[in-house]
């Protein structure tokens, strides 16, 4: 199954299971990828995380049932995974801006949230600088913290700020940002800041050495102010490079390698 087919299949699977218990692990397992890889792919392509997409689709369908079929609020709440009418009402009002009772009585409009679909369009004409390299096994030393995919784009930059505030950069050159392999069933992914072992002067408490196995790597050039530039590069990898490439990403380590310079510069 190629990249686009996998993503399309994940959307169909979500749609078929909106009225039953559904986890990210279930979806990722269905298309034979890791939790982290699927969540990153989904967010890069759609601009929202998979949990938010599922929640919004359920709340839209719930509103349709209330408006068109006149189903009881408690029945709709249970059907779409809410344990109580109160928790359903809070989520419903937060999304639609009105309560389910007002919608059921046809007094208010609802917010449209259609299903995602794959539409093939002609675009491109831009370039991405990359190279394919083969590397032997190597060692890195990292300070690692776990993150949820829903807020990683906000929390990881804070992690970098804390790294410098703690003075770790005096002993461990902060040249690497690394997403580490996830274990089956993990709800958070591990991300580490650190260096190749030859750039470590002293190993502070809390840092751990990791052995990265040999493999084939795709290396992409990234320019521009952080953190937007790295997030935009990941989006291009998933939406432009992978769909047109003969390569597939295997679960493992993902690296951001930083060189000396101004991280706020356009270059």
Protein backbone atom coordinates (compact mmCIF):
# COMPACT_ATOMS: atom_id res chain seq x y z
CA UNK A 1 0.00 0.00 0.00
CA UNK A 2 1.58 3.32 -1.07
CA UNK A 3 1.54 6.56 0.90
CA UNK A 4 -1.65 8.06 -0.54
CA UNK A 5 -3.50 4.73 -0.42
CA UNK A 6 -2.57 4.36 3.27
CA UNK A 7 -3.85 7.83 4.10
CA UNK A 8 -7.06 7.29 2.15
CA UNK A 9 -7.62 3.97 3.90
CA UNK A 10 -7.14 5.63 7.30
CA UNK A 11 -9.88 8.15 6.48
CA UNK A 12 -12.28 5.38 5.43
CA UNK A 13 -11.50 3.42 8.60
CA UNK A 14 -12.18 6.48 10.78
CA UNK A 15 -15.47 7.13 9.04
CA UNK A 16 -16.60 3.51 9.48
CA UNK A 17 -15.83 3.55 13.22
CA UNK A 18 -17.09 6.95 14.39
CA UNK A 19 -19.94 5.29 16.28
CA UNK A 20 -17.70 2.81 18.09
CA UNK A 21 -14.66 3.00 20.35
CA UNK A 22 -11.77 4.22 18.21
CA UNK A 23 -8.14 4.89 19.13
CA UNK A 24 -5.17 6.17 17.20
CA UNK A 25 -3.53 2.78 17.77
CA UNK A 26 -6.46 1.08 16.03
CA UNK A 27 -6.11 3.29 12.95
CA UNK A 28 -2.32 3.06 12.79
CA UNK A 29 -2.46 -0.72 13.16
CA UNK A 30 -5.03 -0.94 10.37
CA UNK A 31 -2.68 0.73 7.86
CA UNK A 32 0.46 -0.98 9.28
CA UNK A 33 2.32 2.08 10.59
CA UNK A 34 3.38 3.28 14.04
CA UNK A 35 1.22 5.57 16.16
CA UNK A 36 3.73 8.39 15.91
CA UNK A 37 4.20 8.09 12.16
CA UNK A 38 0.44 8.11 11.55
CA UNK A 39 -0.19 11.09 13.85
CA UNK A 40 2.62 13.11 12.30
CA UNK A 41 1.47 12.22 8.78
CA UNK A 42 -2.14 13.15 9.56
CA UNK A 43 -1.26 16.48 11.16
CA UNK A 44 1.17 17.40 8.37
CA UNK A 45 -1.38 16.74 5.64
CA UNK A 46 -4.52 18.12 7.28
CA UNK A 47 -3.27 20.80 9.66
CA UNK A 48 -5.16 19.29 12.63
CA UNK A 49 -4.44 16.31 14.84
CA UNK A 50 -6.32 13.06 14.37
CA UNK A 51 -8.07 13.25 17.75
CA UNK A 52 -9.49 16.67 16.92
CA UNK A 53 -10.66 15.43 13.51
CA UNK A 54 -12.48 12.44 15.01
CA UNK A 55 -14.08 14.59 17.72
CA UNK A 56 -15.26 17.21 15.23
CA UNK A 57 -16.68 14.63 12.84
CA UNK A 58 -18.62 13.00 15.69
CA UNK A 59 -20.01 16.31 16.91
CA UNK A 60 -21.10 17.27 13.38
CA UNK A 61 -22.86 13.92 12.82
CA UNK A 62 -24.44 14.15 16.27
CA UNK A 63 -25.85 17.58 15.41
CA UNK A 64 -27.24 16.23 12.14
CA UNK A 65 -29.04 13.45 13.99
CA UNK A 66 -30.54 15.88 16.47
CA UNK A 67 -31.62 18.27 13.75
CA UNK A 68 -32.90 15.84 11.12
CA UNK A 69 -33.94 12.72 13.00
CA UNK A 70 -34.92 14.22 16.35
CA UNK A 71 -33.03 11.53 18.30
CA UNK A 72 -32.89 11.88 22.09
CA UNK A 73 -29.85 13.78 23.31
CA UNK A 74 -28.78 11.01 25.69
CA UNK A 75 -28.95 8.42 22.89
CA UNK A 76 -26.85 10.58 20.59
CA UNK A 77 -24.33 11.23 23.36
CA UNK A 78 -23.84 7.52 24.03
CA UNK A 79 -23.69 6.68 20.32
CA UNK A 80 -20.77 9.04 19.78
CA UNK A 81 -18.73 8.01 22.80
CA UNK A 82 -19.82 10.38 25.59
CA UNK A 83 -20.57 8.80 28.94
CA UNK A 84 -23.02 11.47 30.11
CA UNK A 85 -25.33 14.03 28.46
CA UNK A 86 -23.46 16.73 30.42
CA UNK A 87 -20.03 15.93 28.93
CA UNK A 88 -21.64 15.69 25.49
CA UNK A 89 -23.35 19.05 25.93
CA UNK A 90 -20.10 20.75 26.96
CA UNK A 91 -18.23 19.40 23.94
CA UNK A 92 -21.17 20.14 21.64
CA UNK A 93 -21.43 23.76 22.77
CA UNK A 94 -17.68 24.28 22.52
CA UNK A 95 -17.70 23.10 18.89
CA UNK A 96 -21.03 24.42 17.58
CA UNK A 97 -21.35 27.48 19.80
CA UNK A 98 -24.86 26.37 20.86
CA UNK A 99 -26.27 23.57 22.99
CA UNK A 100 -27.73 20.30 21.66
CA UNK A 101 -31.18 21.18 23.03
CA UNK A 102 -31.36 24.34 20.91
CA UNK A 103 -30.32 22.41 17.80
CA UNK A 104 -32.81 19.62 18.50
CA UNK A 105 -35.57 22.24 18.74
CA UNK A 106 -34.36 23.67 15.41
CA UNK A 107 -33.65 27.04 16.98
CA UNK A 108 -30.00 27.33 15.97
CA UNK A 109 -27.66 26.54 13.06
CA UNK A 110 -24.89 23.94 13.32
CA UNK A 111 -21.25 24.09 12.25
CA UNK A 112 -20.41 22.07 9.11
CA UNK A 113 -17.46 19.67 9.36
CA UNK A 114 -17.36 17.39 6.28
CA UNK A 115 -15.24 14.28 6.01
CA UNK A 116 -11.78 14.57 4.52
CA UNK A 117 -11.28 13.25 1.01
CA UNK A 118 -8.23 12.76 -1.19
CA UNK A 119 -8.33 14.98 -4.26
CA UNK A 120 -5.50 14.61 -6.75
CA UNK A 121 -4.47 17.97 -8.19
CA UNK A 122 -1.66 19.16 -10.43
CA UNK A 123 0.87 21.14 -8.43
CA UNK A 124 4.55 21.25 -7.74
CA UNK A 125 7.25 22.91 -9.75
CA UNK A 126 9.19 23.63 -6.56
CA UNK A 127 12.31 21.86 -5.38
CA UNK A 128 13.34 20.17 -2.15
CA UNK A 129 17.02 19.74 -1.42
CA UNK A 130 17.67 16.22 -0.18
CA UNK A 131 20.05 13.30 -0.47
CA UNK A 132 19.89 9.60 0.30
CA UNK A 133 22.74 8.26 2.44
CA UNK A 134 23.64 4.96 4.08
CA UNK A 135 25.09 5.13 7.59
CA UNK A 136 26.62 2.60 9.93
CA UNK A 137 25.43 2.36 13.53
CA UNK A 138 26.28 5.40 15.68
CA UNK A 139 25.78 6.67 19.24
CA UNK A 140 23.99 9.78 20.53
CA UNK A 141 23.40 11.23 24.00
CA UNK A 142 20.02 12.82 24.71
CA UNK A 143 17.78 14.38 27.30
CA UNK A 144 14.38 12.84 26.52
CA UNK A 145 10.84 13.94 27.32
CA UNK A 146 7.49 12.48 26.24
CA UNK A 147 4.95 14.54 24.30
CA UNK A 148 1.40 14.22 23.07
CA UNK A 149 0.94 14.74 19.34
CA UNK A 150 -1.93 17.19 19.95
CA UNK A 151 0.31 19.86 21.50
CA UNK A 152 3.83 18.85 20.46
CA UNK A 153 4.30 21.82 18.13
CA UNK A 154 3.82 24.15 21.11
CA UNK A 155 5.53 22.10 23.82
CA UNK A 156 8.72 21.01 22.04
CA UNK A 157 9.96 24.61 21.52
CA UNK A 158 9.42 25.12 25.28
CA UNK A 159 11.53 22.01 25.91
CA UNK A 160 14.35 23.60 23.90
CA UNK A 161 14.04 26.82 25.90
CA UNK A 162 14.26 24.88 29.18
CA UNK A 163 17.30 22.98 27.86
CA UNK A 164 19.25 26.22 27.43
CA UNK A 165 17.97 27.74 30.68
CA UNK A 166 19.31 24.69 32.54
CA UNK A 167 22.77 25.22 31.04
CA UNK A 168 22.95 21.75 29.46
CA UNK A 169 24.35 23.25 26.25
CA UNK A 170 27.69 23.84 28.01
CA UNK A 171 28.24 20.06 28.29
CA UNK A 172 26.14 18.65 25.45
CA UNK A 173 26.12 20.52 22.15
CA UNK A 174 22.42 21.01 21.28
CA UNK A 175 22.80 19.93 17.67
CA UNK A 176 20.13 17.20 17.56
CA UNK A 177 16.38 17.07 18.01
CA UNK A 178 15.36 13.43 17.84
CA UNK A 179 12.02 11.61 17.72
CA UNK A 180 12.72 8.17 19.17
CA UNK A 181 10.93 4.89 18.39
CA UNK A 182 7.58 4.37 20.11
CA UNK A 183 6.45 1.15 21.77
CA UNK A 184 3.18 -0.55 20.95
CA UNK A 185 0.34 1.08 22.87
CA UNK A 186 2.24 4.29 23.74
CA UNK A 187 0.01 7.37 23.77
CA UNK A 188 2.93 9.80 23.85
CA UNK A 189 6.11 9.91 21.78
CA UNK A 190 9.65 10.45 23.12
CA UNK A 191 11.64 13.42 21.83
CA UNK A 192 15.21 14.14 22.81
CA UNK A 193 17.70 17.00 22.62
CA UNK A 194 21.41 16.27 22.50
CA UNK A 195 24.41 15.43 20.37
CA UNK A 196 26.48 12.80 18.64
CA UNK A 197 28.72 11.31 21.34
CA UNK A 198 31.86 13.00 20.01
CA UNK A 199 30.30 16.39 20.80
CA UNK A 200 29.55 15.56 24.46
CA UNK A 201 31.99 17.02 27.03
CA UNK A 202 30.24 15.60 30.08
CA UNK A 203 27.03 13.59 30.53
CA UNK A 204 24.71 15.48 32.94
CA UNK A 205 22.20 13.66 35.12
CA UNK A 206 19.12 12.60 33.20
CA UNK A 207 20.87 12.17 29.85
CA UNK A 208 20.96 8.72 28.25
CA UNK A 209 23.09 7.20 25.48
CA UNK A 210 21.23 5.66 22.53
CA UNK A 211 22.61 3.38 19.82
CA UNK A 212 21.08 4.12 16.41
CA UNK A 213 21.20 1.10 14.07
CA UNK A 214 22.64 1.32 10.58
CA UNK A 215 20.23 2.22 7.83
CA UNK A 216 19.36 4.31 4.80
CA UNK A 217 18.47 7.94 5.50
CA UNK A 218 16.82 10.74 3.55
CA UNK A 219 18.41 14.09 4.48
CA UNK A 220 16.53 17.34 3.77
CA UNK A 221 17.82 20.90 3.85
CA UNK A 222 15.80 23.25 6.05
CA UNK A 223 16.07 27.05 5.98
CA UNK A 224 14.27 29.82 7.83
CA UNK A 225 13.34 30.90 11.36
CA UNK A 226 12.55 28.20 13.90
CA UNK A 227 10.28 26.49 14.81
CA UNK A 228 8.08 27.21 11.76
CA UNK A 229 10.73 26.19 9.25
CA UNK A 230 11.17 22.69 10.66
CA UNK A 231 7.40 22.20 10.89
CA UNK A 232 6.97 23.39 7.29
CA UNK A 233 9.72 21.02 6.14
CA UNK A 234 7.99 18.05 7.76
CA UNK A 235 4.75 19.05 6.03
CA UNK A 236 6.50 19.14 2.65
CA UNK A 237 8.07 15.74 3.29
CA UNK A 238 4.66 14.17 3.90
CA UNK A 239 2.62 16.07 1.33
CA UNK A 240 5.09 16.52 -1.53
CA UNK A 241 8.13 14.25 -1.29
CA UNK A 242 6.72 10.98 0.03
CA UNK A 243 3.73 10.77 -2.38
CA UNK A 244 6.14 11.19 -5.32
CA UNK A 245 8.97 9.08 -3.98
CA UNK A 246 9.81 5.39 -4.29
CA UNK A 247 10.82 5.32 -0.63
CA UNK A 248 8.79 4.43 2.46
CA UNK A 249 9.46 5.61 6.00
CA UNK A 250 10.18 2.82 8.46
CA UNK A 251 9.47 3.27 12.19
CA UNK A 252 12.58 4.36 14.03
CA UNK A 253 14.55 7.52 14.67
CA UNK A 254 13.77 10.89 13.05
CA UNK A 255 16.51 13.51 13.30
CA UNK A 256 16.69 17.29 13.20
CA UNK A 257 20.34 18.32 12.87
CA UNK A 258 21.10 21.95 13.75
CA UNK A 259 24.18 23.87 12.69
CA UNK A 260 25.60 26.98 14.35
CA UNK A 261 23.84 30.20 13.46
CA UNK A 262 20.85 32.42 14.15
CA UNK A 263 17.74 30.25 14.49
CA UNK A 264 15.55 33.29 13.74
CA UNK A 265 17.31 34.12 10.48
CA UNK A 266 15.64 33.59 7.08
CA UNK A 267 18.76 31.67 6.01
